[in-house]
């Protein structure tokens, strides 16, 4: 069963106050050129996650109607608290239900379309990190959870949404550098992310000029949940700004935007025209 939830201002803003990450002076987001996307409606799968938070904030700042699917009411309420510093959010809605399987993702897409109308963009920021075992030591449960379940959720989401998007919109994947760089002890994530990167390439080939498909390949990301980080890591707010740049640029398609550190992120943002040269 899928339920719709509208965002409201939390009374517990101090409890979940968002940490202000210390930013490397190579990127100052106060100088960013946020595009006007007030005519867009975006679904952000994984929007309640640590990286997803920055994406949600960026799209709200751009004026878009933002829809965030979530598996539970409790995650919705927690996320509302996280965003409470933004005030009353009239253009943010939540839909509660699972979208991890093919039938579930299809039902979710149909429900959102019927409830809210045409969706122009979809951002898939699904999954998390895993590390700690050599490939020969992984368990069947490890493989199921971090490879089968995660790649299925991504494939199901793409299958449900890509055919529904117009040419002006975009389907975007958020991936990690493990898609292209092997990491000892993280074999499952390496294979999962590499598979999803290939999915992006295949989607672009199959979609042709009908749909715009793109991905970000990221290094470690600074988020509210990280108490320790390096200054040259990219931030979730910067990741969000890249998604806006991709959405706003009709020529941004069939590309992987690699931002392993601040320098590459600045180049990405400048290339998309959302940050000054």
C-alpha atoms as a PDB file:
ATOM      1  CA  UNK A   1       0.000   0.000   0.000  1.00  0.00           C
ATOM      2  CA  UNK A   2       1.265   3.464  -0.910  1.00  0.00           C
ATOM      3  CA  UNK A   3       0.458   6.500   1.201  1.00  0.00           C
ATOM      4  CA  UNK A   4       1.003  10.168   0.421  1.00  0.00           C
ATOM      5  CA  UNK A   5       2.403  12.564   2.997  1.00  0.00           C
ATOM      6  CA  UNK A   6       2.703  16.372   2.707  1.00  0.00           C
ATOM      7  CA  UNK A   7       5.601  18.089   4.403  1.00  0.00           C
ATOM      8  CA  UNK A   8       5.028  20.414   7.338  1.00  0.00           C
ATOM      9  CA  UNK A   9       7.342  22.415   9.579  1.00  0.00           C
ATOM     10  CA  UNK A  10       8.803  20.401  12.461  1.00  0.00           C
ATOM     11  CA  UNK A  11       8.647  21.546  16.082  1.00  0.00           C
ATOM     12  CA  UNK A  12      11.971  19.866  16.797  1.00  0.00           C
ATOM     13  CA  UNK A  13      14.338  21.893  14.661  1.00  0.00           C
ATOM     14  CA  UNK A  14      17.050  22.041  17.288  1.00  0.00           C
ATOM     15  CA  UNK A  15      17.089  18.274  17.754  1.00  0.00           C
ATOM     16  CA  UNK A  16      18.029  17.598  14.168  1.00  0.00           C
ATOM     17  CA  UNK A  17      19.841  20.843  13.337  1.00  0.00           C
ATOM     18  CA  UNK A  18      21.832  20.435  10.160  1.00  0.00           C
ATOM     19  CA  UNK A  19      25.596  20.596  10.571  1.00  0.00           C
ATOM     20  CA  UNK A  20      27.324  23.302   8.552  1.00  0.00           C
ATOM     21  CA  UNK A  21      30.169  21.441   6.885  1.00  0.00           C
ATOM     22  CA  UNK A  22      33.440  23.328   6.773  1.00  0.00           C
ATOM     23  CA  UNK A  23      33.845  24.075   3.101  1.00  0.00           C
ATOM     24  CA  UNK A  24      37.081  24.200   1.187  1.00  0.00           C
ATOM     25  CA  UNK A  25      37.390  27.716  -0.257  1.00  0.00           C
ATOM     26  CA  UNK A  26      37.673  26.281  -3.762  1.00  0.00           C
ATOM     27  CA  UNK A  27      33.852  26.179  -3.925  1.00  0.00           C
ATOM     28  CA  UNK A  28      31.601  28.847  -2.412  1.00  0.00           C
ATOM     29  CA  UNK A  29      27.981  27.891  -3.033  1.00  0.00           C
ATOM     30  CA  UNK A  30      26.818  31.420  -2.252  1.00  0.00           C
ATOM     31  CA  UNK A  31      28.283  32.272  -5.686  1.00  0.00           C
ATOM     32  CA  UNK A  32      26.473  29.420  -7.454  1.00  0.00           C
ATOM     33  CA  UNK A  33      24.000  30.050 -10.275  1.00  0.00           C
ATOM     34  CA  UNK A  34      20.928  28.067  -9.258  1.00  0.00           C
ATOM     35  CA  UNK A  35      18.692  27.568 -12.309  1.00  0.00           C
ATOM     36  CA  UNK A  36      14.978  28.281 -12.138  1.00  0.00           C
ATOM     37  CA  UNK A  37      13.304  24.865 -12.243  1.00  0.00           C
ATOM     38  CA  UNK A  38       9.922  26.017 -10.968  1.00  0.00           C
ATOM     39  CA  UNK A  39       8.265  24.307 -13.931  1.00  0.00           C
ATOM     40  CA  UNK A  40       9.767  20.916 -13.063  1.00  0.00           C
ATOM     41  CA  UNK A  41       8.569  18.045 -10.911  1.00  0.00           C
ATOM     42  CA  UNK A  42      11.279  15.687  -9.652  1.00  0.00           C
ATOM     43  CA  UNK A  43      11.166  12.332  -7.902  1.00  0.00           C
ATOM     44  CA  UNK A  44      14.255  11.761  -5.754  1.00  0.00           C
ATOM     45  CA  UNK A  45      14.607   8.062  -4.943  1.00  0.00           C
ATOM     46  CA  UNK A  46      16.818   7.804  -1.879  1.00  0.00           C
ATOM     47  CA  UNK A  47      16.070  11.421  -1.043  1.00  0.00           C
ATOM     48  CA  UNK A  48      15.917  10.782   2.701  1.00  0.00           C
ATOM     49  CA  UNK A  49      19.492   9.459   2.660  1.00  0.00           C
ATOM     50  CA  UNK A  50      22.623  11.411   3.521  1.00  0.00           C
ATOM     51  CA  UNK A  51      23.555  12.245  -0.071  1.00  0.00           C
ATOM     52  CA  UNK A  52      19.908  12.543  -1.060  1.00  0.00           C
ATOM     53  CA  UNK A  53      19.394  15.332   1.462  1.00  0.00           C
ATOM     54  CA  UNK A  54      21.672  17.649  -0.504  1.00  0.00           C
ATOM     55  CA  UNK A  55      19.815  16.815  -3.710  1.00  0.00           C
ATOM     56  CA  UNK A  56      16.429  17.533  -2.129  1.00  0.00           C
ATOM     57  CA  UNK A  57      17.647  20.858  -0.761  1.00  0.00           C
ATOM     58  CA  UNK A  58      19.040  21.898  -4.146  1.00  0.00           C
ATOM     59  CA  UNK A  59      15.822  21.169  -6.032  1.00  0.00           C
ATOM     60  CA  UNK A  60      13.726  22.978  -3.447  1.00  0.00           C
ATOM     61  CA  UNK A  61      16.034  25.985  -3.773  1.00  0.00           C
ATOM     62  CA  UNK A  62      15.539  25.849  -7.547  1.00  0.00           C
ATOM     63  CA  UNK A  63      11.771  26.073  -7.043  1.00  0.00           C
ATOM     64  CA  UNK A  64      10.854  22.597  -8.274  1.00  0.00           C
ATOM     65  CA  UNK A  65       8.065  20.409  -6.945  1.00  0.00           C
ATOM     66  CA  UNK A  66       9.963  17.679  -5.101  1.00  0.00           C
ATOM     67  CA  UNK A  67       8.544  14.225  -4.376  1.00  0.00           C
ATOM     68  CA  UNK A  68      10.477  11.876  -2.111  1.00  0.00           C
ATOM     69  CA  UNK A  69       9.464   8.207  -1.824  1.00  0.00           C
ATOM     70  CA  UNK A  70      10.200   6.563   1.523  1.00  0.00           C
ATOM     71  CA  UNK A  71       9.692   3.101   2.933  1.00  0.00           C
ATOM     72  CA  UNK A  72       8.284   4.261   6.272  1.00  0.00           C
ATOM     73  CA  UNK A  73       6.453   7.076   8.019  1.00  0.00           C
ATOM     74  CA  UNK A  74       9.180   7.212  10.657  1.00  0.00           C
ATOM     75  CA  UNK A  75      11.834   8.045   8.046  1.00  0.00           C
ATOM     76  CA  UNK A  76       9.567  10.739   6.652  1.00  0.00           C
ATOM     77  CA  UNK A  77       9.121  12.341  10.060  1.00  0.00           C
ATOM     78  CA  UNK A  78      12.854  12.232  10.751  1.00  0.00           C
ATOM     79  CA  UNK A  79      13.584  13.816   7.385  1.00  0.00           C
ATOM     80  CA  UNK A  80      11.026  16.544   7.968  1.00  0.00           C
ATOM     81  CA  UNK A  81      12.941  17.413  11.121  1.00  0.00           C
ATOM     82  CA  UNK A  82      16.198  17.474   9.153  1.00  0.00           C
ATOM     83  CA  UNK A  83      14.705  19.994   6.711  1.00  0.00           C
ATOM     84  CA  UNK A  84      12.947  22.100   9.323  1.00  0.00           C
ATOM     85  CA  UNK A  85      15.474  24.921   8.913  1.00  0.00           C
ATOM     86  CA  UNK A  86      13.928  25.578   5.485  1.00  0.00           C
ATOM     87  CA  UNK A  87      10.581  26.578   6.982  1.00  0.00           C
ATOM     88  CA  UNK A  88       7.211  25.682   5.472  1.00  0.00           C
ATOM     89  CA  UNK A  89       7.801  23.604   2.358  1.00  0.00           C
ATOM     90  CA  UNK A  90       4.793  23.869   0.105  1.00  0.00           C
ATOM     91  CA  UNK A  91       6.512  22.155  -2.818  1.00  0.00           C
ATOM     92  CA  UNK A  92       7.765  19.064  -0.988  1.00  0.00           C
ATOM     93  CA  UNK A  93       5.721  15.872  -0.805  1.00  0.00           C
ATOM     94  CA  UNK A  94       6.447  12.388   0.470  1.00  0.00           C
ATOM     95  CA  UNK A  95       5.028   9.091  -0.751  1.00  0.00           C
ATOM     96  CA  UNK A  96       5.314   6.158   1.636  1.00  0.00           C
ATOM     97  CA  UNK A  97       5.800   2.727   0.124  1.00  0.00           C
ATOM     98  CA  UNK A  98       8.422   0.341  -1.200  1.00  0.00           C
ATOM     99  CA  UNK A  99       9.941   0.688  -4.664  1.00  0.00           C
ATOM    100  CA  UNK A 100      12.703  -1.919  -4.399  1.00  0.00           C
ATOM    101  CA  UNK A 101      11.077  -4.500  -6.688  1.00  0.00           C
ATOM    102  CA  UNK A 102       9.757  -4.320 -10.252  1.00  0.00           C
ATOM    103  CA  UNK A 103       6.062  -4.425  -9.378  1.00  0.00           C
ATOM    104  CA  UNK A 104       6.521  -2.072  -6.415  1.00  0.00           C
ATOM    105  CA  UNK A 105       8.425   0.504  -8.444  1.00  0.00           C
ATOM    106  CA  UNK A 106       5.803   0.374 -11.185  1.00  0.00           C
ATOM    107  CA  UNK A 107       3.017   0.862  -8.653  1.00  0.00           C
ATOM    108  CA  UNK A 108       4.898   3.764  -7.084  1.00  0.00           C
ATOM    109  CA  UNK A 109       5.373   5.482 -10.454  1.00  0.00           C
ATOM    110  CA  UNK A 110       1.713   5.023 -11.357  1.00  0.00           C
ATOM    111  CA  UNK A 111       0.564   6.366  -7.993  1.00  0.00           C
ATOM    112  CA  UNK A 112       2.778   9.453  -8.189  1.00  0.00           C
ATOM    113  CA  UNK A 113       1.639  10.165 -11.747  1.00  0.00           C
ATOM    114  CA  UNK A 114      -2.014   9.888 -10.801  1.00  0.00           C
ATOM    115  CA  UNK A 115      -1.617  11.923  -7.602  1.00  0.00           C
ATOM    116  CA  UNK A 116       0.636  14.740  -8.814  1.00  0.00           C
ATOM    117  CA  UNK A 117       0.765  14.707 -12.598  1.00  0.00           C
ATOM    118  CA  UNK A 118       3.680  14.495 -15.006  1.00  0.00           C
ATOM    119  CA  UNK A 119       7.130  13.994 -13.516  1.00  0.00           C
ATOM    120  CA  UNK A 120       9.898  15.665 -15.508  1.00  0.00           C
ATOM    121  CA  UNK A 121      13.000  14.369 -13.725  1.00  0.00           C
ATOM    122  CA  UNK A 122      14.052  11.407 -11.599  1.00  0.00           C
ATOM    123  CA  UNK A 123      17.205  11.184  -9.475  1.00  0.00           C
ATOM    124  CA  UNK A 124      18.206   7.716  -8.249  1.00  0.00           C
ATOM    125  CA  UNK A 125      20.392   8.080  -5.149  1.00  0.00           C
ATOM    126  CA  UNK A 126      19.840   4.540  -3.914  1.00  0.00           C
ATOM    127  CA  UNK A 127      22.150   2.402  -1.802  1.00  0.00           C
ATOM    128  CA  UNK A 128      24.979   2.760   0.649  1.00  0.00           C
ATOM    129  CA  UNK A 129      28.469   1.599   1.472  1.00  0.00           C
ATOM    130  CA  UNK A 130      29.793  -1.843   2.433  1.00  0.00           C
ATOM    131  CA  UNK A 131      33.368  -2.963   3.115  1.00  0.00           C
ATOM    132  CA  UNK A 132      35.193  -5.481   5.259  1.00  0.00           C
ATOM    133  CA  UNK A 133      35.544  -8.857   3.524  1.00  0.00           C
ATOM    134  CA  UNK A 134      37.533 -10.317   0.683  1.00  0.00           C
ATOM    135  CA  UNK A 135      35.426 -11.674  -2.144  1.00  0.00           C
ATOM    136  CA  UNK A 136      36.070 -15.262  -1.048  1.00  0.00           C
ATOM    137  CA  UNK A 137      34.777 -14.468   2.448  1.00  0.00           C
ATOM    138  CA  UNK A 138      31.447 -12.862   1.575  1.00  0.00           C
ATOM    139  CA  UNK A 139      28.252 -14.611   2.627  1.00  0.00           C
ATOM    140  CA  UNK A 140      25.174 -15.295   0.487  1.00  0.00           C
ATOM    141  CA  UNK A 141      23.350 -12.711   2.616  1.00  0.00           C
ATOM    142  CA  UNK A 142      26.030 -10.104   1.865  1.00  0.00           C
ATOM    143  CA  UNK A 143      25.684 -10.795  -1.848  1.00  0.00           C
ATOM    144  CA  UNK A 144      21.895 -10.672  -1.749  1.00  0.00           C
ATOM    145  CA  UNK A 145      21.706  -7.431   0.227  1.00  0.00           C
ATOM    146  CA  UNK A 146      24.432  -5.385  -1.410  1.00  0.00           C
ATOM    147  CA  UNK A 147      24.400  -6.676  -4.978  1.00  0.00           C
ATOM    148  CA  UNK A 148      21.105  -8.322  -5.867  1.00  0.00           C
ATOM    149  CA  UNK A 149      18.808  -6.073  -3.836  1.00  0.00           C
ATOM    150  CA  UNK A 150      20.547  -2.818  -4.726  1.00  0.00           C
ATOM    151  CA  UNK A 151      20.948  -3.448  -8.457  1.00  0.00           C
ATOM    152  CA  UNK A 152      17.347  -4.669  -8.602  1.00  0.00           C
ATOM    153  CA  UNK A 153      16.101  -1.485  -6.915  1.00  0.00           C
ATOM    154  CA  UNK A 154      17.989   0.633  -9.444  1.00  0.00           C
ATOM    155  CA  UNK A 155      16.850  -1.431 -12.427  1.00  0.00           C
ATOM    156  CA  UNK A 156      13.247  -1.410 -11.197  1.00  0.00           C
ATOM    157  CA  UNK A 157      13.313   2.356 -10.703  1.00  0.00           C
ATOM    158  CA  UNK A 158      14.745   2.975 -14.171  1.00  0.00           C
ATOM    159  CA  UNK A 159      12.261   0.554 -15.739  1.00  0.00           C
ATOM    160  CA  UNK A 160       9.327   2.279 -14.059  1.00  0.00           C
ATOM    161  CA  UNK A 161      10.341   5.868 -14.766  1.00  0.00           C
ATOM    162  CA  UNK A 162      12.435   6.276 -17.912  1.00  0.00           C
ATOM    163  CA  UNK A 163       9.550   5.615 -20.358  1.00  0.00           C
ATOM    164  CA  UNK A 164       7.434   8.212 -18.524  1.00  0.00           C
ATOM    165  CA  UNK A 165       9.905  11.075 -18.868  1.00  0.00           C
ATOM    166  CA  UNK A 166       9.793  13.660 -21.630  1.00  0.00           C
ATOM    167  CA  UNK A 167      12.831  14.711 -23.635  1.00  0.00           C
ATOM    168  CA  UNK A 168      13.143  17.936 -21.641  1.00  0.00           C
ATOM    169  CA  UNK A 169      13.525  16.009 -18.398  1.00  0.00           C
ATOM    170  CA  UNK A 170      16.323  13.789 -17.137  1.00  0.00           C
ATOM    171  CA  UNK A 171      16.997  10.472 -15.444  1.00  0.00           C
ATOM    172  CA  UNK A 172      20.083  10.686 -13.253  1.00  0.00           C
ATOM    173  CA  UNK A 173      22.046   8.125 -11.263  1.00  0.00           C
ATOM    174  CA  UNK A 174      24.248   8.930  -8.277  1.00  0.00           C
ATOM    175  CA  UNK A 175      27.191   6.517  -8.216  1.00  0.00           C
ATOM    176  CA  UNK A 176      30.471   6.213  -6.342  1.00  0.00           C
ATOM    177  CA  UNK A 177      34.046   6.097  -7.517  1.00  0.00           C
ATOM    178  CA  UNK A 178      33.980   2.376  -6.728  1.00  0.00           C
ATOM    179  CA  UNK A 179      32.253   2.008 -10.108  1.00  0.00           C
ATOM    180  CA  UNK A 180      35.621   2.571 -11.778  1.00  0.00           C
ATOM    181  CA  UNK A 181      38.265   2.063  -9.066  1.00  0.00           C
ATOM    182  CA  UNK A 182      38.718  -1.319  -7.290  1.00  0.00           C
ATOM    183  CA  UNK A 183      38.783  -1.165  -3.498  1.00  0.00           C
ATOM    184  CA  UNK A 184      40.098  -4.078  -1.431  1.00  0.00           C
ATOM    185  CA  UNK A 185      37.426  -5.490   0.837  1.00  0.00           C
ATOM    186  CA  UNK A 186      34.586  -3.789  -1.043  1.00  0.00           C
ATOM    187  CA  UNK A 187      34.213  -6.251  -3.901  1.00  0.00           C
ATOM    188  CA  UNK A 188      30.417  -6.370  -3.808  1.00  0.00           C
ATOM    189  CA  UNK A 189      30.104  -2.589  -3.970  1.00  0.00           C
ATOM    190  CA  UNK A 190      32.679  -2.447  -6.775  1.00  0.00           C
ATOM    191  CA  UNK A 191      30.707  -4.937  -8.839  1.00  0.00           C
ATOM    192  CA  UNK A 192      27.360  -3.348  -7.979  1.00  0.00           C
ATOM    193  CA  UNK A 193      28.456   0.163  -8.918  1.00  0.00           C
ATOM    194  CA  UNK A 194      30.200  -1.018 -12.092  1.00  0.00           C
ATOM    195  CA  UNK A 195      27.007  -2.817 -13.116  1.00  0.00           C
ATOM    196  CA  UNK A 196      24.958   0.328 -12.505  1.00  0.00           C
ATOM    197  CA  UNK A 197      27.387   2.426 -14.512  1.00  0.00           C
ATOM    198  CA  UNK A 198      26.975   0.013 -17.406  1.00  0.00           C
ATOM    199  CA  UNK A 199      23.198   0.258 -16.910  1.00  0.00           C
ATOM    200  CA  UNK A 200      23.526   4.014 -17.442  1.00  0.00           C
ATOM    201  CA  UNK A 201      25.406   3.457 -20.685  1.00  0.00           C
ATOM    202  CA  UNK A 202      22.867   0.923 -21.932  1.00  0.00           C
ATOM    203  CA  UNK A 203      19.944   3.169 -20.970  1.00  0.00           C
ATOM    204  CA  UNK A 204      21.478   6.017 -22.960  1.00  0.00           C
ATOM    205  CA  UNK A 205      22.013   3.770 -25.973  1.00  0.00           C
ATOM    206  CA  UNK A 206      18.468   2.436 -25.847  1.00  0.00           C
ATOM    207  CA  UNK A 207      16.841   5.798 -25.106  1.00  0.00           C
ATOM    208  CA  UNK A 208      18.618   7.586 -27.930  1.00  0.00           C
ATOM    209  CA  UNK A 209      17.209  11.100 -28.255  1.00  0.00           C
ATOM    210  CA  UNK A 210      13.917  10.245 -26.531  1.00  0.00           C
ATOM    211  CA  UNK A 211      15.207  10.549 -22.973  1.00  0.00           C
ATOM    212  CA  UNK A 212      18.194  12.216 -21.301  1.00  0.00           C
ATOM    213  CA  UNK A 213      20.243   9.896 -19.080  1.00  0.00           C
ATOM    214  CA  UNK A 214      23.291  10.901 -17.032  1.00  0.00           C
ATOM    215  CA  UNK A 215      25.238   9.890 -13.927  1.00  0.00           C
ATOM    216  CA  UNK A 216      27.553  11.338 -11.333  1.00  0.00           C
ATOM    217  CA  UNK A 217      30.595   9.347 -10.199  1.00  0.00           C
ATOM    218  CA  UNK A 218      31.636  10.656  -6.808  1.00  0.00           C
ATOM    219  CA  UNK A 219      34.427  10.354  -4.306  1.00  0.00           C
ATOM    220  CA  UNK A 220      33.656  10.484  -0.567  1.00  0.00           C
ATOM    221  CA  UNK A 221      30.806  12.883   0.186  1.00  0.00           C
ATOM    222  CA  UNK A 222      30.522  15.277   3.122  1.00  0.00           C
ATOM    223  CA  UNK A 223      27.092  14.928   4.714  1.00  0.00           C
ATOM    224  CA  UNK A 224      25.354  15.922   7.908  1.00  0.00           C
ATOM    225  CA  UNK A 225      26.018  12.439   9.295  1.00  0.00           C
ATOM    226  CA  UNK A 226      29.808  12.625   8.843  1.00  0.00           C
ATOM    227  CA  UNK A 227      31.627  14.048  11.843  1.00  0.00           C
ATOM    228  CA  UNK A 228      35.059  13.495  10.272  1.00  0.00           C
ATOM    229  CA  UNK A 229      35.987  14.294   6.708  1.00  0.00           C
ATOM    230  CA  UNK A 230      38.664  15.854   4.529  1.00  0.00           C
ATOM    231  CA  UNK A 231      38.330  19.369   3.196  1.00  0.00           C
ATOM    232  CA  UNK A 232      38.779  18.276  -0.421  1.00  0.00           C
ATOM    233  CA  UNK A 233      35.816  15.881  -0.318  1.00  0.00           C
ATOM    234  CA  UNK A 234      32.754  16.918  -2.274  1.00  0.00           C
ATOM    235  CA  UNK A 235      29.596  17.865  -0.370  1.00  0.00           C
ATOM    236  CA  UNK A 236      26.044  16.617  -0.794  1.00  0.00           C
ATOM    237  CA  UNK A 237      24.955  20.200  -1.543  1.00  0.00           C
ATOM    238  CA  UNK A 238      27.411  20.297  -4.449  1.00  0.00           C
ATOM    239  CA  UNK A 239      26.091  16.959  -5.691  1.00  0.00           C
ATOM    240  CA  UNK A 240      22.615  18.463  -5.598  1.00  0.00           C
ATOM    241  CA  UNK A 241      23.740  21.488  -7.605  1.00  0.00           C
ATOM    242  CA  UNK A 242      25.178  19.203 -10.293  1.00  0.00           C
ATOM    243  CA  UNK A 243      21.796  17.478 -10.636  1.00  0.00           C
ATOM    244  CA  UNK A 244      20.239  20.906 -11.255  1.00  0.00           C
ATOM    245  CA  UNK A 245      22.838  21.717 -13.885  1.00  0.00           C
ATOM    246  CA  UNK A 246      22.176  18.445 -15.686  1.00  0.00           C
ATOM    247  CA  UNK A 247      18.421  18.980 -15.552  1.00  0.00           C
ATOM    248  CA  UNK A 248      18.674  22.552 -16.852  1.00  0.00           C
ATOM    249  CA  UNK A 249      21.018  21.773 -19.765  1.00  0.00           C
ATOM    250  CA  UNK A 250      19.241  20.135 -22.734  1.00  0.00           C
ATOM    251  CA  UNK A 251      22.621  18.914 -23.982  1.00  0.00           C
ATOM    252  CA  UNK A 252      23.513  17.140 -20.737  1.00  0.00           C
ATOM    253  CA  UNK A 253      22.886  13.541 -21.710  1.00  0.00           C
ATOM    254  CA  UNK A 254      24.762  10.274 -22.181  1.00  0.00           C
ATOM    255  CA  UNK A 255      27.486  11.507 -19.829  1.00  0.00           C
ATOM    256  CA  UNK A 256      29.122  10.538 -16.563  1.00  0.00           C
ATOM    257  CA  UNK A 257      30.158  13.545 -14.490  1.00  0.00           C
ATOM    258  CA  UNK A 258      33.141  12.530 -12.361  1.00  0.00           C
ATOM    259  CA  UNK A 259      33.809  14.524  -9.185  1.00  0.00           C
ATOM    260  CA  UNK A 260      36.222  12.636  -6.965  1.00  0.00           C
ATOM    261  CA  UNK A 261      37.336  15.800  -5.130  1.00  0.00           C
ATOM    262  CA  UNK A 262      36.659  19.540  -4.872  1.00  0.00           C
ATOM    263  CA  UNK A 263      38.767  20.416  -7.901  1.00  0.00           C
ATOM    264  CA  UNK A 264      36.893  18.012 -10.150  1.00  0.00           C
ATOM    265  CA  UNK A 265      33.591  19.118  -8.621  1.00  0.00           C
ATOM    266  CA  UNK A 266      34.357  22.759  -9.403  1.00  0.00           C
ATOM    267  CA  UNK A 267      35.167  21.796 -12.998  1.00  0.00           C
ATOM    268  CA  UNK A 268      31.896  19.864 -13.226  1.00  0.00           C
ATOM    269  CA  UNK A 269      29.850  22.759 -11.860  1.00  0.00           C
ATOM    270  CA  UNK A 270      31.541  25.259 -14.167  1.00  0.00           C
ATOM    271  CA  UNK A 271      31.067  22.993 -17.164  1.00  0.00           C
ATOM    272  CA  UNK A 272      27.337  22.876 -16.445  1.00  0.00           C
ATOM    273  CA  UNK A 273      27.156  26.647 -16.068  1.00  0.00           C
ATOM    274  CA  UNK A 274      26.025  26.646 -12.440  1.00  0.00           C
ATOM    275  CA  UNK A 275      29.239  28.045 -10.971  1.00  0.00           C
ATOM    276  CA  UNK A 276      31.325  31.035 -12.134  1.00  0.00           C
ATOM    277  CA  UNK A 277      34.621  30.497 -13.935  1.00  0.00           C
END
